[in-house]
């Protein structure tokens, strides 16, 4: 399923092969999930980044593995997105801690 080749952009055919689905399924999911927005090149062909592929893997797991409906999977992704927006990331917390420690060091 996963390829050893690491590239910046993948074609729809490559992604379809990786996920073991047809290309038309990827195009359909793009219309149903607002989070999925692959870039298009000058010729209008979709180019998928690793983040797009990761999202597609989640969508596929929700639909095929967990047996969610499209609407149910959409709600799960929306809820997850809201939770991620509300919760500070570990990187932000570490940067905040670093700033505090630098100010503390300057005061000493």
N, C-alpha and C. Protein backbone atom coordinates (compact mmCIF):
# COMPACT_ATOMS: atom_id res chain seq x y z
N UNK A 1 0.83 -1.19 0.00
CA UNK A 1 0.00 0.00 0.00
C UNK A 1 0.87 1.25 0.00
N UNK A 2 1.75 1.42 0.97
CA UNK A 2 2.60 2.59 1.02
C UNK A 2 3.82 2.38 0.13
N UNK A 3 4.20 3.44 -0.54
CA UNK A 3 5.33 3.36 -1.45
C UNK A 3 6.59 3.83 -0.75
N UNK A 4 7.73 3.31 -1.18
CA UNK A 4 9.01 3.73 -0.61
C UNK A 4 9.46 5.06 -1.20
N UNK A 5 8.85 5.47 -2.30
CA UNK A 5 9.23 6.71 -2.97
C UNK A 5 8.62 7.89 -2.21
N UNK A 6 9.46 8.86 -1.89
CA UNK A 6 8.99 10.06 -1.21
C UNK A 6 9.12 11.23 -2.18
N UNK A 7 7.98 11.84 -2.49
CA UNK A 7 7.96 12.97 -3.40
C UNK A 7 7.17 14.10 -2.76
N UNK A 8 7.32 15.30 -3.29
CA UNK A 8 6.54 16.43 -2.81
C UNK A 8 5.09 16.33 -3.28
N UNK A 9 4.90 15.95 -4.53
CA UNK A 9 3.57 15.89 -5.10
C UNK A 9 3.34 14.56 -5.78
N UNK A 10 2.12 14.06 -5.65
CA UNK A 10 1.73 12.80 -6.27
C UNK A 10 0.54 13.05 -7.19
N UNK A 11 0.47 12.30 -8.27
CA UNK A 11 -0.67 12.42 -9.18
C UNK A 11 -1.85 11.65 -8.60
N UNK A 12 -3.02 11.90 -9.15
CA UNK A 12 -4.22 11.21 -8.68
C UNK A 12 -4.11 9.71 -8.90
N UNK A 13 -3.48 9.31 -9.98
CA UNK A 13 -3.29 7.88 -10.25
C UNK A 13 -2.40 7.21 -9.22
N UNK A 14 -1.32 7.90 -8.85
CA UNK A 14 -0.40 7.36 -7.84
C UNK A 14 -1.11 7.22 -6.49
N UNK A 15 -1.88 8.24 -6.13
CA UNK A 15 -2.59 8.22 -4.85
C UNK A 15 -3.67 7.14 -4.86
N UNK A 16 -4.36 7.01 -5.97
CA UNK A 16 -5.39 5.97 -6.09
C UNK A 16 -4.76 4.59 -5.91
N UNK A 17 -3.61 4.38 -6.51
CA UNK A 17 -2.90 3.10 -6.34
C UNK A 17 -2.48 2.88 -4.89
N UNK A 18 -1.96 3.92 -4.24
CA UNK A 18 -1.53 3.81 -2.85
C UNK A 18 -2.69 3.42 -1.94
N UNK A 19 -3.85 4.04 -2.16
CA UNK A 19 -5.01 3.82 -1.30
C UNK A 19 -5.87 2.65 -1.76
N UNK A 20 -5.52 2.10 -2.90
CA UNK A 20 -6.26 0.97 -3.47
C UNK A 20 -7.73 1.32 -3.69
N UNK A 21 -7.96 2.50 -4.28
CA UNK A 21 -9.29 2.94 -4.69
C UNK A 21 -9.17 3.48 -6.11
N UNK A 22 -10.29 3.68 -6.75
CA UNK A 22 -10.30 4.25 -8.09
C UNK A 22 -10.15 5.77 -8.01
N UNK A 23 -9.62 6.37 -9.06
CA UNK A 23 -9.42 7.82 -9.09
C UNK A 23 -10.74 8.57 -8.95
N UNK A 24 -11.82 8.03 -9.52
CA UNK A 24 -13.11 8.73 -9.42
C UNK A 24 -13.60 8.79 -7.97
N UNK A 25 -13.18 7.83 -7.15
CA UNK A 25 -13.53 7.86 -5.73
C UNK A 25 -12.85 9.04 -5.05
N UNK A 26 -11.60 9.29 -5.39
CA UNK A 26 -10.87 10.43 -4.82
C UNK A 26 -11.52 11.74 -5.23
N UNK A 27 -11.92 11.83 -6.49
CA UNK A 27 -12.59 13.05 -6.95
C UNK A 27 -13.92 13.25 -6.23
N UNK A 28 -14.64 12.16 -6.00
CA UNK A 28 -15.91 12.24 -5.27
C UNK A 28 -15.68 12.70 -3.84
N UNK A 29 -14.70 12.10 -3.16
CA UNK A 29 -14.42 12.49 -1.79
C UNK A 29 -14.04 13.96 -1.71
N UNK A 30 -13.38 14.46 -2.73
CA UNK A 30 -13.01 15.87 -2.77
C UNK A 30 -14.26 16.76 -2.74
N UNK A 31 -15.35 16.30 -3.37
CA UNK A 31 -16.59 17.09 -3.37
C UNK A 31 -17.32 16.98 -2.05
N UNK A 32 -17.10 15.92 -1.31
CA UNK A 32 -17.85 15.67 -0.07
C UNK A 32 -17.16 16.18 1.19
N UNK A 33 -15.84 16.30 1.17
CA UNK A 33 -15.09 16.70 2.36
C UNK A 33 -14.36 18.01 2.08
N UNK A 34 -14.80 19.07 2.75
CA UNK A 34 -14.24 20.40 2.48
C UNK A 34 -12.76 20.49 2.86
N UNK A 35 -12.31 19.64 3.77
CA UNK A 35 -10.91 19.67 4.19
C UNK A 35 -9.97 19.18 3.09
N UNK A 36 -10.51 18.42 2.16
CA UNK A 36 -9.70 17.83 1.10
C UNK A 36 -9.66 18.77 -0.09
N UNK A 37 -8.54 19.43 -0.27
CA UNK A 37 -8.38 20.39 -1.36
C UNK A 37 -7.01 20.22 -2.01
N UNK A 38 -6.85 19.19 -2.84
CA UNK A 38 -5.55 19.04 -3.49
C UNK A 38 -5.30 20.20 -4.45
N UNK A 39 -4.06 20.59 -4.56
CA UNK A 39 -3.70 21.66 -5.49
C UNK A 39 -3.84 21.15 -6.92
N UNK A 40 -3.95 22.08 -7.82
CA UNK A 40 -3.98 21.72 -9.24
C UNK A 40 -2.83 22.43 -9.94
N UNK A 41 -2.20 21.73 -10.87
CA UNK A 41 -1.09 22.35 -11.60
C UNK A 41 -1.63 23.19 -12.75
N UNK A 42 -0.76 23.75 -13.54
CA UNK A 42 -1.18 24.62 -14.64
C UNK A 42 -2.13 23.93 -15.61
N UNK A 43 -1.94 22.63 -15.77
CA UNK A 43 -2.78 21.87 -16.69
C UNK A 43 -4.12 21.49 -16.04
N UNK A 44 -4.31 21.83 -14.77
CA UNK A 44 -5.55 21.53 -14.09
C UNK A 44 -5.59 20.15 -13.46
N UNK A 45 -4.45 19.47 -13.44
CA UNK A 45 -4.39 18.13 -12.84
C UNK A 45 -4.13 18.24 -11.35
N UNK A 46 -4.80 17.38 -10.61
CA UNK A 46 -4.64 17.39 -9.16
C UNK A 46 -3.25 16.91 -8.77
N UNK A 47 -2.66 17.60 -7.80
CA UNK A 47 -1.38 17.19 -7.23
C UNK A 47 -1.56 17.07 -5.72
N UNK A 48 -1.34 15.90 -5.21
CA UNK A 48 -1.56 15.60 -3.80
C UNK A 48 -0.26 15.68 -3.03
N UNK A 49 -0.30 16.37 -1.89
CA UNK A 49 0.83 16.43 -0.97
C UNK A 49 0.64 15.36 0.10
N UNK A 50 1.65 15.14 0.91
CA UNK A 50 1.57 14.11 1.95
C UNK A 50 0.41 14.39 2.90
N UNK A 51 0.16 15.65 3.23
CA UNK A 51 -0.95 15.99 4.13
C UNK A 51 -2.28 15.58 3.51
N UNK A 52 -2.42 15.76 2.19
CA UNK A 52 -3.64 15.33 1.50
C UNK A 52 -3.79 13.81 1.59
N UNK A 53 -2.70 13.10 1.40
CA UNK A 53 -2.72 11.64 1.44
C UNK A 53 -3.07 11.16 2.85
N UNK A 54 -2.51 11.81 3.87
CA UNK A 54 -2.83 11.45 5.25
C UNK A 54 -4.32 11.63 5.52
N UNK A 55 -4.88 12.73 5.04
CA UNK A 55 -6.32 12.98 5.21
C UNK A 55 -7.13 11.93 4.47
N UNK A 56 -6.71 11.58 3.28
CA UNK A 56 -7.40 10.54 2.52
C UNK A 56 -7.37 9.19 3.24
N UNK A 57 -6.26 8.90 3.88
CA UNK A 57 -6.18 7.65 4.66
C UNK A 57 -7.18 7.65 5.81
N UNK A 58 -7.34 8.80 6.45
CA UNK A 58 -8.32 8.91 7.53
C UNK A 58 -9.73 8.74 6.97
N UNK A 59 -10.01 9.41 5.86
CA UNK A 59 -11.33 9.30 5.24
C UNK A 59 -11.62 7.86 4.84
N UNK A 60 -10.64 7.20 4.25
CA UNK A 60 -10.83 5.81 3.84
C UNK A 60 -11.08 4.92 5.05
N UNK A 61 -10.33 5.14 6.13
CA UNK A 61 -10.53 4.33 7.34
C UNK A 61 -11.93 4.54 7.91
N UNK A 62 -12.37 5.81 7.94
CA UNK A 62 -13.70 6.10 8.47
C UNK A 62 -14.79 5.44 7.62
N UNK A 63 -14.66 5.55 6.31
CA UNK A 63 -15.71 5.03 5.42
C UNK A 63 -15.66 3.52 5.25
N UNK A 64 -14.49 3.00 4.98
CA UNK A 64 -14.36 1.57 4.66
C UNK A 64 -14.15 0.72 5.91
N UNK A 65 -13.29 1.18 6.81
CA UNK A 65 -12.96 0.39 7.99
C UNK A 65 -13.98 0.53 9.11
N UNK A 66 -14.30 1.78 9.46
CA UNK A 66 -15.22 2.03 10.57
C UNK A 66 -16.68 2.07 10.13
N UNK A 67 -16.91 1.99 8.82
CA UNK A 67 -18.26 1.90 8.24
C UNK A 67 -19.12 3.14 8.52
N UNK A 68 -18.51 4.32 8.57
CA UNK A 68 -19.28 5.56 8.69
C UNK A 68 -19.93 5.88 7.35
N UNK A 69 -21.03 6.61 7.41
CA UNK A 69 -21.60 7.17 6.19
C UNK A 69 -20.77 8.40 5.84
N UNK A 70 -21.00 8.96 4.67
CA UNK A 70 -20.29 10.19 4.28
C UNK A 70 -20.57 11.28 5.31
N UNK A 71 -21.83 11.45 5.68
CA UNK A 71 -22.20 12.49 6.65
C UNK A 71 -21.55 12.22 8.00
N UNK A 72 -21.53 10.97 8.45
CA UNK A 72 -20.91 10.64 9.72
C UNK A 72 -19.41 10.90 9.71
N UNK A 73 -18.75 10.53 8.62
CA UNK A 73 -17.31 10.78 8.49
C UNK A 73 -17.04 12.29 8.47
N UNK A 74 -17.91 13.03 7.79
CA UNK A 74 -17.76 14.49 7.74
C UNK A 74 -17.86 15.08 9.14
N UNK A 75 -18.81 14.58 9.94
CA UNK A 75 -18.97 15.08 11.31
C UNK A 75 -17.75 14.74 12.17
N UNK A 76 -17.20 13.55 12.00
CA UNK A 76 -16.00 13.17 12.76
C UNK A 76 -14.85 14.11 12.40
N UNK A 77 -14.65 14.36 11.11
CA UNK A 77 -13.56 15.26 10.69
C UNK A 77 -13.78 16.68 11.19
N UNK A 78 -15.02 17.16 11.14
CA UNK A 78 -15.31 18.51 11.64
C UNK A 78 -15.05 18.60 13.14
N UNK A 79 -15.48 17.58 13.89
CA UNK A 79 -15.27 17.58 15.34
C UNK A 79 -13.78 17.53 15.66
N UNK A 80 -13.04 16.69 14.95
CA UNK A 80 -11.60 16.58 15.16
C UNK A 80 -10.91 17.90 14.86
N UNK A 81 -11.34 18.55 13.77
CA UNK A 81 -10.75 19.83 13.39
C UNK A 81 -11.01 20.89 14.46
N UNK A 82 -12.22 20.93 15.01
CA UNK A 82 -12.54 21.90 16.07
C UNK A 82 -11.71 21.64 17.31
N UNK A 83 -11.56 20.36 17.67
CA UNK A 83 -10.77 20.02 18.85
C UNK A 83 -9.31 20.42 18.67
N UNK A 84 -8.78 20.23 17.47
CA UNK A 84 -7.40 20.61 17.21
C UNK A 84 -7.23 22.12 17.27
N UNK A 85 -8.25 22.87 16.83
CA UNK A 85 -8.17 24.32 16.87
C UNK A 85 -8.23 24.84 18.30
N UNK A 86 -9.00 24.17 19.15
CA UNK A 86 -9.16 24.63 20.53
C UNK A 86 -7.98 24.24 21.40
N UNK A 87 -7.42 23.07 21.19
CA UNK A 87 -6.32 22.59 22.02
C UNK A 87 -5.00 23.12 21.50
N UNK A 88 -4.19 23.73 22.37
CA UNK A 88 -2.88 24.19 21.91
C UNK A 88 -1.99 23.00 21.57
N UNK A 89 -1.19 23.17 20.57
CA UNK A 89 -0.31 22.08 20.17
C UNK A 89 0.90 22.01 21.09
N UNK A 90 1.54 20.88 21.10
CA UNK A 90 2.73 20.68 21.94
C UNK A 90 3.82 21.66 21.52
N UNK A 91 3.95 21.92 20.22
CA UNK A 91 4.98 22.85 19.75
C UNK A 91 4.74 24.25 20.30
N UNK A 92 3.50 24.69 20.28
CA UNK A 92 3.18 26.02 20.82
C UNK A 92 3.49 26.10 22.31
N UNK A 93 3.15 25.04 23.03
CA UNK A 93 3.43 25.02 24.46
C UNK A 93 4.93 25.05 24.72
N UNK A 94 5.71 24.31 23.93
CA UNK A 94 7.16 24.31 24.10
C UNK A 94 7.77 25.67 23.78
N UNK A 95 7.26 26.32 22.73
CA UNK A 95 7.76 27.66 22.39
C UNK A 95 7.44 28.66 23.49
N UNK A 96 6.24 28.54 24.06
CA UNK A 96 5.86 29.41 25.16
C UNK A 96 6.76 29.17 26.37
N UNK A 97 7.02 27.91 26.67
CA UNK A 97 7.91 27.56 27.79
C UNK A 97 9.32 28.07 27.54
N UNK A 98 9.79 27.94 26.30
CA UNK A 98 11.13 28.43 25.97
C UNK A 98 11.23 29.94 26.18
N UNK A 99 10.21 30.66 25.74
CA UNK A 99 10.20 32.11 25.95
C UNK A 99 10.24 32.47 27.42
N UNK A 100 9.46 31.75 28.23
CA UNK A 100 9.45 31.98 29.66
C UNK A 100 10.83 31.73 30.26
N UNK A 101 11.46 30.62 29.86
CA UNK A 101 12.78 30.28 30.41
C UNK A 101 13.84 31.30 29.97
N UNK A 102 13.75 31.78 28.74
CA UNK A 102 14.70 32.81 28.28
C UNK A 102 14.53 34.10 29.07
N UNK A 103 13.28 34.51 29.33
CA UNK A 103 13.05 35.70 30.14
C UNK A 103 13.56 35.51 31.57
N UNK A 104 13.34 34.31 32.10
CA UNK A 104 13.81 34.00 33.44
C UNK A 104 15.35 34.04 33.50
N UNK A 105 16.00 33.53 32.47
CA UNK A 105 17.46 33.55 32.42
C UNK A 105 17.98 34.98 32.32
N UNK A 106 17.30 35.82 31.56
CA UNK A 106 17.70 37.22 31.43
C UNK A 106 17.56 37.95 32.78
N UNK A 107 16.56 37.58 33.56
CA UNK A 107 16.34 38.22 34.85
C UNK A 107 17.36 37.81 35.90
N UNK A 108 17.97 36.65 35.70
CA UNK A 108 18.94 36.13 36.71
C UNK A 108 20.24 36.79 36.57
